[in-house]
Amino acid sequence: MRSTRASAAVARLNRAITLVRLKEWDAAREDYELLLQEFPNGYQIHFGLGEIAAAKNDAAEARRHFEDAMKMAPAGSRDFLQV
């Protein structure tokens, strides 16, 4: 059984992904930033932050997060292939 902490993190990640799809950039960024504090090597978190930065036309930040995501993502994963 998953721990309460892990379940909360999964729920927050799912909410952040949903907020990105809804183009609620600031709310999504808040969730991703909280997740990043707890999971600094989370490639999905960096990918999401890269999507937000790209949507806000911040190319430098988008590139940084996408590069971090590529370094951390398992080779061949969907996120790795999308960057």
Protein backbone atom coordinates (compact mmCIF):
# COMPACT_ATOMS: atom_id res chain seq x y z
CA MET A 1 0.00 0.00 0.00
CA ARG A 2 1.22 3.45 -0.90
CA SER A 3 2.16 5.83 1.90
CA THR A 4 0.06 8.91 2.56
CA ARG A 5 2.97 11.13 1.51
CA ALA A 6 3.39 9.31 -1.79
CA SER A 7 -0.35 9.38 -2.44
CA ALA A 8 -0.44 13.12 -1.79
CA ALA A 9 2.49 13.65 -4.18
CA VAL A 10 0.79 11.61 -6.92
CA ALA A 11 -2.43 13.56 -6.41
CA ARG A 12 -0.55 16.88 -6.60
CA LEU A 13 1.27 15.78 -9.77
CA ASN A 14 -2.00 14.74 -11.40
CA ARG A 15 -3.55 18.06 -10.43
CA ALA A 16 -0.58 19.98 -11.88
CA ILE A 17 -0.87 18.05 -15.15
CA THR A 18 -4.58 18.81 -15.30
CA LEU A 19 -3.98 22.49 -14.57
CA VAL A 20 -1.47 22.64 -17.44
CA ARG A 21 -4.07 21.12 -19.77
CA LEU A 22 -6.51 23.80 -18.61
CA LYS A 23 -3.83 26.47 -19.17
CA GLU A 24 -3.96 27.47 -15.51
CA TRP A 25 -0.25 28.21 -15.60
CA ASP A 26 0.21 29.90 -12.22
CA ALA A 27 -1.73 27.28 -10.26
CA ALA A 28 0.11 24.47 -12.07
CA ARG A 29 3.45 26.12 -11.37
CA GLU A 30 2.64 26.33 -7.65
CA ASP A 31 1.97 22.58 -7.53
CA TYR A 32 5.10 21.75 -9.52
CA GLU A 33 7.25 24.02 -7.33
CA LEU A 34 5.97 22.29 -4.19
CA LEU A 35 6.70 18.91 -5.75
CA LEU A 36 10.17 20.07 -6.80
CA GLN A 37 11.04 20.87 -3.19
CA GLU A 38 10.25 17.29 -2.22
CA PHE A 39 11.49 15.57 -5.39
CA PRO A 40 14.26 17.67 -6.97
CA ASN A 41 15.12 14.91 -9.44
CA GLY A 42 11.57 14.37 -10.63
CA TYR A 43 11.81 14.47 -14.41
CA GLN A 44 8.03 14.81 -14.80
CA ILE A 45 8.15 17.88 -12.57
CA HIS A 46 10.87 19.50 -14.67
CA PHE A 47 9.00 18.60 -17.85
CA GLY A 48 5.85 20.27 -16.52
CA LEU A 49 7.75 23.38 -15.48
CA GLY A 50 9.28 23.45 -18.96
CA GLU A 51 5.83 23.31 -20.54
CA ILE A 52 4.69 26.23 -18.39
CA ALA A 53 7.78 28.30 -19.18
CA ALA A 54 7.36 27.60 -22.91
CA ALA A 55 3.69 28.63 -22.74
CA LYS A 56 4.77 31.88 -21.09
CA ASN A 57 7.44 32.46 -23.77
CA ASP A 58 10.32 32.11 -21.30
CA ALA A 59 12.66 30.20 -23.60
CA ALA A 60 15.64 30.16 -21.22
CA GLU A 61 13.67 28.68 -18.33
CA ALA A 62 11.88 26.23 -20.62
CA ARG A 63 15.18 25.02 -22.01
CA ARG A 64 16.69 24.60 -18.55
CA HIS A 65 13.76 22.52 -17.32
CA PHE A 66 13.56 20.43 -20.50
CA GLU A 67 17.30 19.74 -20.32
CA ASP A 68 16.95 18.72 -16.67
CA ALA A 69 14.01 16.48 -17.57
CA MET A 70 16.04 14.79 -20.31
CA LYS A 71 18.94 14.15 -17.93
CA MET A 72 16.63 12.58 -15.35
CA ALA A 73 14.06 10.77 -17.49
CA PRO A 74 14.52 7.09 -18.23
CA ALA A 75 15.73 6.70 -21.82
CA GLY A 76 12.80 6.00 -24.11
CA SER A 77 10.15 7.37 -21.75
CA ARG A 78 7.34 9.42 -23.31
CA ASP A 79 8.56 12.64 -21.67
CA PHE A 80 12.13 12.02 -22.84
CA LEU A 81 10.94 11.50 -26.40
CA GLN A 82 8.72 14.60 -26.37
CA VAL A 83 11.49 17.03 -25.45
